[in-house]
Amino acid sequence: MNTDALLIQGLLYVFLPLWGLAGFVDWCCHRATRIEATSGLKESLIHSLMGLQVGLPILLCLLFEVNVLVLLICLAAWVLHELVAHWDVHYAAPRRHIGIWEMHAHNYLASLPFYMLAMIAVINWPVVVDLLTLDWAGRLSLVPLEAPHGGAGYLPGYLAFMALLAVFPYAEENLRCLRHALKRRRTAE
């Protein structure tokens, strides 16, 4: 097995699942600190935004060839994710306790996307060179992969895994925060 294949296996079976696990730990911390009664819906929606900012590039890299367009989207999403992550902690810290487990989860949630992006850049080094030398002609379209990474069953399995560890829990958090905000508003009236 060549180095690129080993790196892809590391992305598929180590880094991507770790990102999901870290997100689940983060959600557990939000639930334990009763996010709905402290920083509320705004912070919960920020978390959903950050999940989308990393989820979109992951899906692009699992479904399409990494070319200049995909790499540009990945880079832009990573930068935006970093900015929103700083905004999230700035918003939440004065409103609720951020414990040691949540800090560790945040470390993983911030560093794993960077490491995944770095590995994608190494695997697709000619694309990085094209990006840096502005050789973008014919490289700005989405080209579906001929064979999916991890085989035909990987993507459905990974999506189910992420639905259980991230999508459903964060949707529940959004709904919990929304219900609490509506209840608080009715009580104030």
N, C-alpha and C. Protein backbone atom coordinates (compact mmCIF):
# COMPACT_ATOMS: atom_id res chain seq x y z
N MET A 1 0.86 -1.18 0.00
CA MET A 1 0.00 0.00 0.00
C MET A 1 0.90 1.24 0.00
N ASN A 2 0.62 2.17 -0.91
CA ASN A 2 1.46 3.37 -0.99
C ASN A 2 1.07 4.38 0.08
N THR A 3 1.89 5.41 0.22
CA THR A 3 1.69 6.41 1.27
C THR A 3 0.37 7.14 1.13
N ASP A 4 -0.01 7.50 -0.10
CA ASP A 4 -1.29 8.20 -0.28
C ASP A 4 -2.46 7.34 0.20
N ALA A 5 -2.42 6.06 -0.12
CA ALA A 5 -3.50 5.15 0.30
C ALA A 5 -3.52 5.03 1.83
N LEU A 6 -2.35 4.98 2.45
CA LEU A 6 -2.29 4.92 3.92
C LEU A 6 -2.85 6.20 4.54
N LEU A 7 -2.52 7.34 3.96
CA LEU A 7 -3.05 8.61 4.48
C LEU A 7 -4.57 8.68 4.32
N ILE A 8 -5.07 8.19 3.20
CA ILE A 8 -6.53 8.18 2.99
C ILE A 8 -7.19 7.27 4.02
N GLN A 9 -6.60 6.10 4.28
CA GLN A 9 -7.15 5.21 5.29
C GLN A 9 -7.13 5.87 6.67
N GLY A 10 -6.06 6.61 6.97
CA GLY A 10 -5.99 7.34 8.24
C GLY A 10 -7.08 8.39 8.33
N LEU A 11 -7.33 9.09 7.24
CA LEU A 11 -8.41 10.08 7.23
C LEU A 11 -9.76 9.41 7.46
N LEU A 12 -10.02 8.33 6.72
CA LEU A 12 -11.32 7.68 6.77
C LEU A 12 -11.63 7.02 8.11
N TYR A 13 -10.61 6.33 8.65
CA TYR A 13 -10.89 5.46 9.80
C TYR A 13 -10.32 5.96 11.13
N VAL A 14 -9.59 7.08 11.10
CA VAL A 14 -9.07 7.64 12.36
C VAL A 14 -9.57 9.09 12.52
N PHE A 15 -9.18 9.97 11.60
CA PHE A 15 -9.46 11.39 11.77
C PHE A 15 -10.95 11.73 11.66
N LEU A 16 -11.64 11.20 10.64
CA LEU A 16 -13.06 11.51 10.51
C LEU A 16 -13.89 10.98 11.68
N PRO A 17 -13.68 9.73 12.12
CA PRO A 17 -14.43 9.29 13.32
C PRO A 17 -14.05 10.07 14.58
N LEU A 18 -12.78 10.43 14.74
CA LEU A 18 -12.39 11.22 15.91
C LEU A 18 -13.11 12.56 15.94
N TRP A 19 -13.28 13.17 14.77
CA TRP A 19 -13.99 14.44 14.71
C TRP A 19 -15.43 14.27 15.19
N GLY A 20 -16.07 13.17 14.77
CA GLY A 20 -17.43 12.89 15.24
C GLY A 20 -17.49 12.64 16.73
N LEU A 21 -16.54 11.88 17.24
CA LEU A 21 -16.50 11.60 18.68
C LEU A 21 -16.27 12.87 19.50
N ALA A 22 -15.37 13.72 19.02
CA ALA A 22 -15.11 14.99 19.72
C ALA A 22 -16.37 15.86 19.73
N GLY A 23 -17.09 15.87 18.62
CA GLY A 23 -18.34 16.64 18.56
C GLY A 23 -19.36 16.11 19.53
N PHE A 24 -19.42 14.78 19.68
CA PHE A 24 -20.37 14.19 20.63
C PHE A 24 -19.99 14.54 22.07
N VAL A 25 -18.70 14.48 22.40
CA VAL A 25 -18.25 14.87 23.74
C VAL A 25 -18.61 16.33 24.00
N ASP A 26 -18.40 17.18 23.00
CA ASP A 26 -18.74 18.59 23.14
C ASP A 26 -20.24 18.76 23.41
N TRP A 27 -21.07 18.03 22.67
CA TRP A 27 -22.52 18.09 22.88
C TRP A 27 -22.87 17.65 24.30
N CYS A 28 -22.24 16.57 24.79
CA CYS A 28 -22.49 16.10 26.16
C CYS A 28 -22.15 17.20 27.17
N CYS A 29 -21.07 17.93 26.91
CA CYS A 29 -20.69 19.03 27.81
C CYS A 29 -21.72 20.15 27.77
N HIS A 30 -22.22 20.47 26.58
CA HIS A 30 -23.26 21.50 26.47
C HIS A 30 -24.49 21.09 27.25
N ARG A 31 -24.85 19.84 27.14
CA ARG A 31 -26.04 19.34 27.84
C ARG A 31 -25.82 19.40 29.36
N ALA A 32 -24.62 19.03 29.80
CA ALA A 32 -24.32 19.04 31.24
C ALA A 32 -24.34 20.44 31.82
N THR A 33 -23.95 21.43 31.03
CA THR A 33 -23.94 22.81 31.52
C THR A 33 -25.24 23.54 31.22
N ARG A 34 -26.24 22.82 30.73
CA ARG A 34 -27.56 23.37 30.44
C ARG A 34 -27.46 24.60 29.54
N ILE A 35 -26.90 24.38 28.37
CA ILE A 35 -26.70 25.47 27.41
C ILE A 35 -28.00 26.22 27.13
N GLU A 36 -29.12 25.51 27.17
CA GLU A 36 -30.40 26.16 26.87
C GLU A 36 -30.74 27.27 27.86
N ALA A 37 -30.24 27.15 29.10
CA ALA A 37 -30.54 28.14 30.14
C ALA A 37 -29.44 29.18 30.30
N THR A 38 -28.33 29.00 29.61
CA THR A 38 -27.20 29.94 29.78
C THR A 38 -26.97 30.72 28.48
N SER A 39 -26.17 30.19 27.59
CA SER A 39 -25.85 30.91 26.35
C SER A 39 -26.92 30.72 25.29
N GLY A 40 -27.72 29.67 25.40
CA GLY A 40 -28.94 29.53 24.61
C GLY A 40 -28.81 29.22 23.14
N LEU A 41 -29.88 29.56 22.43
CA LEU A 41 -30.04 29.21 21.02
C LEU A 41 -28.94 29.78 20.15
N LYS A 42 -28.50 31.00 20.45
CA LYS A 42 -27.47 31.62 19.61
C LYS A 42 -26.21 30.75 19.58
N GLU A 43 -25.75 30.30 20.75
CA GLU A 43 -24.55 29.47 20.76
C GLU A 43 -24.82 28.13 20.08
N SER A 44 -25.98 27.56 20.32
CA SER A 44 -26.31 26.29 19.70
C SER A 44 -26.29 26.39 18.17
N LEU A 45 -26.82 27.47 17.64
CA LEU A 45 -26.80 27.67 16.18
C LEU A 45 -25.37 27.88 15.67
N ILE A 46 -24.54 28.52 16.48
CA ILE A 46 -23.13 28.67 16.12
C ILE A 46 -22.49 27.29 15.97
N HIS A 47 -22.81 26.37 16.89
CA HIS A 47 -22.26 25.01 16.81
C HIS A 47 -22.70 24.31 15.53
N SER A 48 -23.96 24.48 15.18
CA SER A 48 -24.46 23.87 13.94
C SER A 48 -23.75 24.46 12.72
N LEU A 49 -23.54 25.76 12.73
CA LEU A 49 -22.80 26.41 11.64
C LEU A 49 -21.40 25.82 11.51
N MET A 50 -20.71 25.64 12.64
CA MET A 50 -19.35 25.09 12.58
C MET A 50 -19.36 23.65 12.07
N GLY A 51 -20.37 22.88 12.42
CA GLY A 51 -20.48 21.53 11.89
C GLY A 51 -20.64 21.54 10.39
N LEU A 52 -21.45 22.45 9.87
CA LEU A 52 -21.61 22.57 8.42
C LEU A 52 -20.32 23.03 7.75
N GLN A 53 -19.58 23.91 8.42
CA GLN A 53 -18.33 24.42 7.84
C GLN A 53 -17.29 23.33 7.67
N VAL A 54 -17.33 22.31 8.48
CA VAL A 54 -16.39 21.20 8.32
C VAL A 54 -17.04 20.06 7.53
N GLY A 55 -18.34 19.87 7.73
CA GLY A 55 -19.05 18.78 7.05
C GLY A 55 -19.07 18.93 5.54
N LEU A 56 -19.27 20.15 5.05
CA LEU A 56 -19.30 20.36 3.60
C LEU A 56 -17.99 19.96 2.93
N PRO A 57 -16.83 20.43 3.40
CA PRO A 57 -15.58 19.99 2.77
C PRO A 57 -15.36 18.48 2.87
N ILE A 58 -15.77 17.88 3.99
CA ILE A 58 -15.63 16.43 4.12
C ILE A 58 -16.43 15.74 3.02
N LEU A 59 -17.68 16.14 2.84
CA LEU A 59 -18.51 15.53 1.80
C LEU A 59 -17.93 15.77 0.41
N LEU A 60 -17.44 16.98 0.17
CA LEU A 60 -16.84 17.26 -1.13
C LEU A 60 -15.66 16.32 -1.41
N CYS A 61 -14.82 16.13 -0.41
CA CYS A 61 -13.64 15.28 -0.60
C CYS A 61 -14.00 13.80 -0.69
N LEU A 62 -15.12 13.40 -0.12
CA LEU A 62 -15.55 12.01 -0.22
C LEU A 62 -16.28 11.72 -1.53
N LEU A 63 -16.85 12.74 -2.14
CA LEU A 63 -17.66 12.53 -3.34
C LEU A 63 -16.98 12.96 -4.64
N PHE A 64 -16.04 13.91 -4.54
CA PHE A 64 -15.45 14.49 -5.75
C PHE A 64 -13.92 14.44 -5.72
N GLU A 65 -13.34 14.50 -6.91
CA GLU A 65 -11.88 14.59 -7.00
C GLU A 65 -11.44 15.91 -6.39
N VAL A 66 -10.34 15.88 -5.67
CA VAL A 66 -9.81 17.13 -5.11
C VAL A 66 -9.08 17.86 -6.23
N ASN A 67 -9.67 18.98 -6.63
CA ASN A 67 -9.05 19.85 -7.63
C ASN A 67 -8.96 21.24 -7.01
N VAL A 68 -8.63 22.22 -7.81
CA VAL A 68 -8.45 23.58 -7.28
C VAL A 68 -9.75 24.09 -6.63
N LEU A 69 -10.89 23.84 -7.27
CA LEU A 69 -12.15 24.31 -6.70
C LEU A 69 -12.41 23.68 -5.33
N VAL A 70 -12.28 22.37 -5.24
CA VAL A 70 -12.53 21.68 -3.97
C VAL A 70 -11.53 22.16 -2.91
N LEU A 71 -10.27 22.32 -3.29
CA LEU A 71 -9.27 22.78 -2.33
C LEU A 71 -9.55 24.21 -1.87
N LEU A 72 -9.98 25.07 -2.79
CA LEU A 72 -10.35 26.44 -2.40
C LEU A 72 -11.53 26.44 -1.42
N ILE A 73 -12.52 25.61 -1.68
CA ILE A 73 -13.67 25.52 -0.77
C ILE A 73 -13.21 25.02 0.60
N CYS A 74 -12.35 24.00 0.60
CA CYS A 74 -11.83 23.46 1.86
C CYS A 74 -11.06 24.52 2.64
N LEU A 75 -10.21 25.26 1.96
CA LEU A 75 -9.43 26.31 2.63
C LEU A 75 -10.34 27.40 3.18
N ALA A 76 -11.29 27.86 2.37
CA ALA A 76 -12.20 28.91 2.82
C ALA A 76 -13.04 28.43 4.01
N ALA A 77 -13.52 27.20 3.95
CA ALA A 77 -14.33 26.65 5.04
C ALA A 77 -13.50 26.54 6.31
N TRP A 78 -12.24 26.13 6.18
CA TRP A 78 -11.38 26.01 7.37
C TRP A 78 -11.15 27.38 8.02
N VAL A 79 -10.84 28.39 7.20
CA VAL A 79 -10.62 29.74 7.75
C VAL A 79 -11.90 30.25 8.43
N LEU A 80 -13.04 30.09 7.78
CA LEU A 80 -14.29 30.53 8.38
C LEU A 80 -14.60 29.75 9.66
N HIS A 81 -14.31 28.46 9.66
CA HIS A 81 -14.53 27.65 10.86
C HIS A 81 -13.68 28.17 12.02
N GLU A 82 -12.44 28.51 11.75
CA GLU A 82 -11.57 29.05 12.80
C GLU A 82 -12.11 30.36 13.35
N LEU A 83 -12.56 31.23 12.47
CA LEU A 83 -13.12 32.51 12.91
C LEU A 83 -14.37 32.31 13.76
N VAL A 84 -15.25 31.44 13.31
CA VAL A 84 -16.49 31.18 14.05
C VAL A 84 -16.19 30.49 15.37
N ALA A 85 -15.19 29.61 15.41
CA ALA A 85 -14.82 28.93 16.66
C ALA A 85 -14.35 29.94 17.70
N HIS A 86 -13.58 30.92 17.27
CA HIS A 86 -13.14 31.97 18.21
C HIS A 86 -14.34 32.79 18.69
N TRP A 87 -15.23 33.11 17.77
CA TRP A 87 -16.43 33.86 18.11
C TRP A 87 -17.28 33.06 19.10
N ASP A 88 -17.40 31.75 18.89
CA ASP A 88 -18.18 30.87 19.76
C ASP A 88 -17.68 30.93 21.20
N VAL A 89 -16.39 30.73 21.38
CA VAL A 89 -15.84 30.73 22.75
C VAL A 89 -15.95 32.13 23.37
N HIS A 90 -15.71 33.16 22.58
CA HIS A 90 -15.85 34.54 23.06
C HIS A 90 -17.28 34.79 23.53
N TYR A 91 -18.24 34.27 22.80
CA TYR A 91 -19.65 34.46 23.17
C TYR A 91 -20.02 33.63 24.39
N ALA A 92 -19.58 32.36 24.42
CA ALA A 92 -20.03 31.43 25.46
C ALA A 92 -19.35 31.64 26.81
N ALA A 93 -18.06 31.94 26.80
CA ALA A 93 -17.28 31.96 28.05
C ALA A 93 -17.90 32.83 29.16
N PRO A 94 -18.39 34.03 28.88
CA PRO A 94 -18.98 34.79 29.98
C PRO A 94 -20.38 34.32 30.38
N ARG A 95 -20.98 33.43 29.59
CA ARG A 95 -22.36 33.04 29.84
C ARG A 95 -22.52 31.68 30.51
N ARG A 96 -21.51 30.82 30.38
CA ARG A 96 -21.61 29.49 30.99
C ARG A 96 -20.22 28.94 31.25
N HIS A 97 -20.17 27.95 32.13
CA HIS A 97 -18.90 27.31 32.47
C HIS A 97 -18.43 26.42 31.31
N ILE A 98 -17.19 26.58 30.91
CA ILE A 98 -16.59 25.70 29.91
C ILE A 98 -15.54 24.88 30.64
N GLY A 99 -15.89 23.62 30.90
CA GLY A 99 -15.05 22.73 31.71
C GLY A 99 -13.90 22.13 30.92
N ILE A 100 -13.09 21.35 31.63
CA ILE A 100 -11.89 20.76 31.05
C ILE A 100 -12.23 19.78 29.92
N TRP A 101 -13.29 18.98 30.07
CA TRP A 101 -13.66 18.05 29.01
C TRP A 101 -14.07 18.80 27.75
N GLU A 102 -14.80 19.88 27.94
CA GLU A 102 -15.22 20.67 26.77
C GLU A 102 -14.02 21.35 26.12
N MET A 103 -13.08 21.82 26.93
CA MET A 103 -11.86 22.42 26.35
C MET A 103 -11.10 21.40 25.52
N HIS A 104 -11.00 20.18 26.04
CA HIS A 104 -10.31 19.13 25.27
C HIS A 104 -11.07 18.81 23.99
N ALA A 105 -12.39 18.74 24.08
CA ALA A 105 -13.18 18.50 22.87
C ALA A 105 -12.95 19.61 21.85
N HIS A 106 -12.91 20.86 22.33
CA HIS A 106 -12.65 21.98 21.42
C HIS A 106 -11.28 21.87 20.78
N ASN A 107 -10.29 21.40 21.54
CA ASN A 107 -8.95 21.22 20.96
C ASN A 107 -9.01 20.28 19.77
N TYR A 108 -9.71 19.16 19.93
CA TYR A 108 -9.84 18.21 18.82
C TYR A 108 -10.66 18.80 17.68
N LEU A 109 -11.76 19.45 18.02
CA LEU A 109 -12.63 20.01 16.99
C LEU A 109 -11.95 21.11 16.19
N ALA A 110 -10.97 21.78 16.78
CA ALA A 110 -10.22 22.82 16.06
C ALA A 110 -9.03 22.24 15.32
N SER A 111 -8.34 21.28 15.91
CA SER A 111 -7.11 20.78 15.29
C SER A 111 -7.36 19.72 14.22
N LEU A 112 -8.35 18.86 14.41
CA LEU A 112 -8.59 17.80 13.42
C LEU A 112 -8.88 18.34 12.02
N PRO A 113 -9.73 19.37 11.86
CA PRO A 113 -9.93 19.88 10.50
C PRO A 113 -8.63 20.39 9.86
N PHE A 114 -7.77 21.01 10.66
CA PHE A 114 -6.49 21.47 10.12
C PHE A 114 -5.63 20.29 9.68
N TYR A 115 -5.55 19.26 10.52
CA TYR A 115 -4.75 18.08 10.16
C TYR A 115 -5.32 17.37 8.95
N MET A 116 -6.64 17.28 8.87
CA MET A 116 -7.26 16.65 7.71
C MET A 116 -6.96 17.45 6.44
N LEU A 117 -7.05 18.76 6.53
CA LEU A 117 -6.74 19.61 5.38
C LEU A 117 -5.28 19.46 4.98
N ALA A 118 -4.39 19.39 5.96
CA ALA A 118 -2.96 19.20 5.65
C ALA A 118 -2.73 17.86 4.96
N MET A 119 -3.39 16.81 5.44
CA MET A 119 -3.23 15.49 4.81
C MET A 119 -3.79 15.50 3.38
N ILE A 120 -4.91 16.17 3.18
CA ILE A 120 -5.49 16.27 1.84
C ILE A 120 -4.53 17.02 0.92
N ALA A 121 -3.90 18.05 1.44
CA ALA A 121 -2.92 18.80 0.64
C ALA A 121 -1.73 17.92 0.27
N VAL A 122 -1.24 17.12 1.20
CA VAL A 122 -0.10 16.24 0.91
C VAL A 122 -0.49 15.20 -0.13
N ILE A 123 -1.66 14.60 0.04
CA ILE A 123 -2.12 13.57 -0.91
C ILE A 123 -2.30 14.16 -2.30
N ASN A 124 -2.73 15.39 -2.36
CA ASN A 124 -3.03 16.06 -3.64
C ASN A 124 -2.04 17.18 -3.93
N TRP A 125 -0.77 16.94 -3.68
CA TRP A 125 0.24 17.98 -3.82
C TRP A 125 0.23 18.67 -5.18
N PRO A 126 0.06 17.96 -6.31
CA PRO A 126 0.00 18.67 -7.60
C PRO A 126 -1.14 19.71 -7.64
N VAL A 127 -2.23 19.45 -6.96
CA VAL A 127 -3.35 20.40 -6.91
C VAL A 127 -2.94 21.64 -6.11
N VAL A 128 -2.18 21.44 -5.04
CA VAL A 128 -1.68 22.56 -4.25
C VAL A 128 -0.78 23.43 -5.12
N VAL A 129 0.08 22.80 -5.90
CA VAL A 129 0.97 23.54 -6.80
C VAL A 129 0.15 24.32 -7.82
N ASP A 130 -0.88 23.67 -8.39
CA ASP A 130 -1.77 24.38 -9.32
C ASP A 130 -2.43 25.58 -8.65
N LEU A 131 -2.88 25.40 -7.42
CA LEU A 131 -3.52 26.48 -6.69
C LEU A 131 -2.56 27.64 -6.47
N LEU A 132 -1.35 27.34 -6.02
CA LEU A 132 -0.38 28.38 -5.70
C LEU A 132 0.17 29.08 -6.94
N THR A 133 0.24 28.37 -8.05
CA THR A 133 0.77 28.97 -9.28
C THR A 133 -0.35 29.56 -10.15
N LEU A 134 -1.57 29.55 -9.60
CA LEU A 134 -2.75 30.08 -10.28
C LEU A 134 -3.04 29.37 -11.60
N ASP A 135 -2.65 28.11 -11.70
CA ASP A 135 -2.94 27.28 -12.87
C ASP A 135 -4.30 26.62 -12.64
N TRP A 136 -5.35 27.41 -12.78
CA TRP A 136 -6.69 26.97 -12.41
C TRP A 136 -7.54 26.57 -13.61
N ALA A 137 -7.05 26.76 -14.82
CA ALA A 137 -7.85 26.48 -16.01
C ALA A 137 -8.29 25.02 -16.03
N GLY A 138 -9.59 24.80 -16.17
CA GLY A 138 -10.14 23.46 -16.22
C GLY A 138 -10.18 22.74 -14.89
N ARG A 139 -9.87 23.45 -13.82
CA ARG A 139 -9.81 22.82 -12.50
C ARG A 139 -10.82 23.43 -11.52
N LEU A 140 -11.85 24.06 -12.07
CA LEU A 140 -12.83 24.73 -11.22
C LEU A 140 -14.24 24.15 -11.41
N SER A 141 -14.32 22.84 -11.49
CA SER A 141 -15.61 22.17 -11.57
C SER A 141 -15.60 20.95 -10.66
N LEU A 142 -16.78 20.49 -10.29
CA LEU A 142 -16.87 19.31 -9.44
C LEU A 142 -16.86 18.06 -10.32
N VAL A 143 -15.86 17.22 -10.09
CA VAL A 143 -15.70 15.99 -10.86
C VAL A 143 -15.93 14.81 -9.92
N PRO A 144 -17.03 14.07 -10.12
CA PRO A 144 -17.31 12.94 -9.21
C PRO A 144 -16.19 11.91 -9.24
N LEU A 145 -15.93 11.30 -8.09
CA LEU A 145 -14.93 10.23 -8.01
C LEU A 145 -15.43 9.02 -8.78
N GLU A 146 -14.51 8.35 -9.46
CA GLU A 146 -14.89 7.12 -10.16
C GLU A 146 -15.18 6.00 -9.16
N ALA A 147 -14.34 5.89 -8.16
CA ALA A 147 -14.52 4.88 -7.11
C ALA A 147 -14.52 5.60 -5.76
N PRO A 148 -15.51 5.35 -4.93
CA PRO A 148 -15.57 6.06 -3.65
C PRO A 148 -14.44 5.64 -2.70
N HIS A 149 -13.99 6.59 -1.92
CA HIS A 149 -12.98 6.29 -0.90
C HIS A 149 -13.60 5.33 0.12
N GLY A 150 -12.85 4.30 0.48
CA GLY A 150 -13.32 3.35 1.48
C GLY A 150 -14.30 2.33 0.94
N GLY A 151 -14.57 2.34 -0.34
CA GLY A 151 -15.51 1.39 -0.93
C GLY A 151 -16.94 1.92 -0.90
N ALA A 152 -17.83 1.16 -1.49
CA ALA A 152 -19.22 1.60 -1.66
C ALA A 152 -19.95 1.78 -0.33
N GLY A 153 -19.57 1.03 0.71
CA GLY A 153 -20.27 1.11 1.97
C GLY A 153 -19.76 2.16 2.93
N TYR A 154 -18.60 2.76 2.62
CA TYR A 154 -18.02 3.69 3.59
C TYR A 154 -18.90 4.93 3.81
N LEU A 155 -19.27 5.61 2.74
CA LEU A 155 -20.02 6.87 2.88
C LEU A 155 -21.35 6.67 3.61
N PRO A 156 -22.17 5.69 3.25
CA PRO A 156 -23.41 5.51 4.03
C PRO A 156 -23.12 5.19 5.50
N GLY A 157 -22.10 4.39 5.76
CA GLY A 157 -21.74 4.07 7.14
C GLY A 157 -21.27 5.29 7.90
N TYR A 158 -20.43 6.10 7.27
CA TYR A 158 -19.93 7.30 7.92
C TYR A 158 -21.06 8.30 8.17
N LEU A 159 -21.94 8.46 7.19
CA LEU A 159 -23.06 9.39 7.37
C LEU A 159 -23.97 8.94 8.50
N ALA A 160 -24.21 7.63 8.62
CA ALA A 160 -25.02 7.11 9.73
C ALA A 160 -24.32 7.36 11.06
N PHE A 161 -23.02 7.12 11.10
CA PHE A 161 -22.22 7.36 12.30
C PHE A 161 -22.32 8.83 12.71
N MET A 162 -22.15 9.74 11.75
CA MET A 162 -22.21 11.17 12.06
C MET A 162 -23.63 11.62 12.42
N ALA A 163 -24.63 10.99 11.83
CA ALA A 163 -26.01 11.32 12.20
C ALA A 163 -26.24 11.00 13.67
N LEU A 164 -25.74 9.85 14.11
CA LEU A 164 -25.93 9.45 15.50
C LEU A 164 -25.12 10.29 16.48
N LEU A 165 -23.88 10.64 16.10
CA LEU A 165 -23.00 11.35 17.02
C LEU A 165 -23.07 12.87 16.92
N ALA A 166 -23.54 13.40 15.81
CA ALA A 166 -23.50 14.85 15.64
C ALA A 166 -24.82 15.44 15.17
N VAL A 167 -25.36 14.96 14.07
CA VAL A 167 -26.55 15.61 13.50
C VAL A 167 -27.73 15.55 14.46
N PHE A 168 -28.08 14.36 14.92
CA PHE A 168 -29.23 14.24 15.83
C PHE A 168 -28.98 14.94 17.16
N PRO A 169 -27.82 14.76 17.80
CA PRO A 169 -27.60 15.48 19.07
C PRO A 169 -27.66 17.00 18.92
N TYR A 170 -27.04 17.55 17.86
CA TYR A 170 -27.05 19.01 17.72
C TYR A 170 -28.42 19.53 17.29
N ALA A 171 -29.17 18.72 16.54
CA ALA A 171 -30.55 19.10 16.23
C ALA A 171 -31.37 19.13 17.52
N GLU A 172 -31.16 18.13 18.38
CA GLU A 172 -31.84 18.10 19.68
C GLU A 172 -31.46 19.33 20.50
N GLU A 173 -30.17 19.70 20.48
CA GLU A 173 -29.72 20.87 21.22
C GLU A 173 -30.40 22.13 20.70
N ASN A 174 -30.47 22.28 19.39
CA ASN A 174 -31.14 23.44 18.81
C ASN A 174 -32.60 23.50 19.24
N LEU A 175 -33.29 22.36 19.19
CA LEU A 175 -34.70 22.33 19.59
C LEU A 175 -34.86 22.61 21.08
N ARG A 176 -34.00 22.02 21.89
CA ARG A 176 -34.05 22.26 23.34
C ARG A 176 -33.86 23.74 23.64
N CYS A 177 -32.89 24.37 22.97
CA CYS A 177 -32.63 25.79 23.19
C CYS A 177 -33.78 26.65 22.68
N LEU A 178 -34.34 26.28 21.55
CA LEU A 178 -35.48 27.03 21.01
C LEU A 178 -36.68 26.93 21.95
N ARG A 179 -36.99 25.73 22.44
CA ARG A 179 -38.11 25.58 23.38
C ARG A 179 -37.89 26.42 24.64
N HIS A 180 -36.67 26.41 25.15
CA HIS A 180 -36.37 27.18 26.36
C HIS A 180 -36.51 28.69 26.09
N ALA A 181 -36.03 29.13 24.94
CA ALA A 181 -36.14 30.56 24.60
C ALA A 181 -37.60 30.97 24.45
N LEU A 182 -38.41 30.13 23.82
CA LEU A 182 -39.84 30.44 23.67
C LEU A 182 -40.56 30.44 25.01
N LYS A 183 -40.20 29.49 25.87
CA LYS A 183 -40.79 29.43 27.21
C LYS A 183 -40.41 30.68 28.01
N ARG A 184 -39.16 31.08 27.92
CA ARG A 184 -38.68 32.28 28.64
C ARG A 184 -39.41 33.52 28.12
N ARG A 185 -39.62 33.59 26.82
CA ARG A 185 -40.31 34.74 26.23
C ARG A 185 -41.77 34.80 26.69
N ARG A 186 -42.43 33.64 26.73
CA ARG A 186 -43.84 33.60 27.20
C ARG A 186 -43.93 34.00 28.66
N THR A 187 -42.96 33.57 29.48
CA THR A 187 -42.95 33.91 30.90
C THR A 187 -42.73 35.40 31.11
N ALA A 188 -41.91 36.02 30.26
CA ALA A 188 -41.60 37.44 30.38
C ALA A 188 -42.77 38.32 29.96
N GLU A 189 -43.65 37.79 29.15
CA GLU A 189 -44.77 38.62 28.64
C GLU A 189 -45.86 38.80 29.65
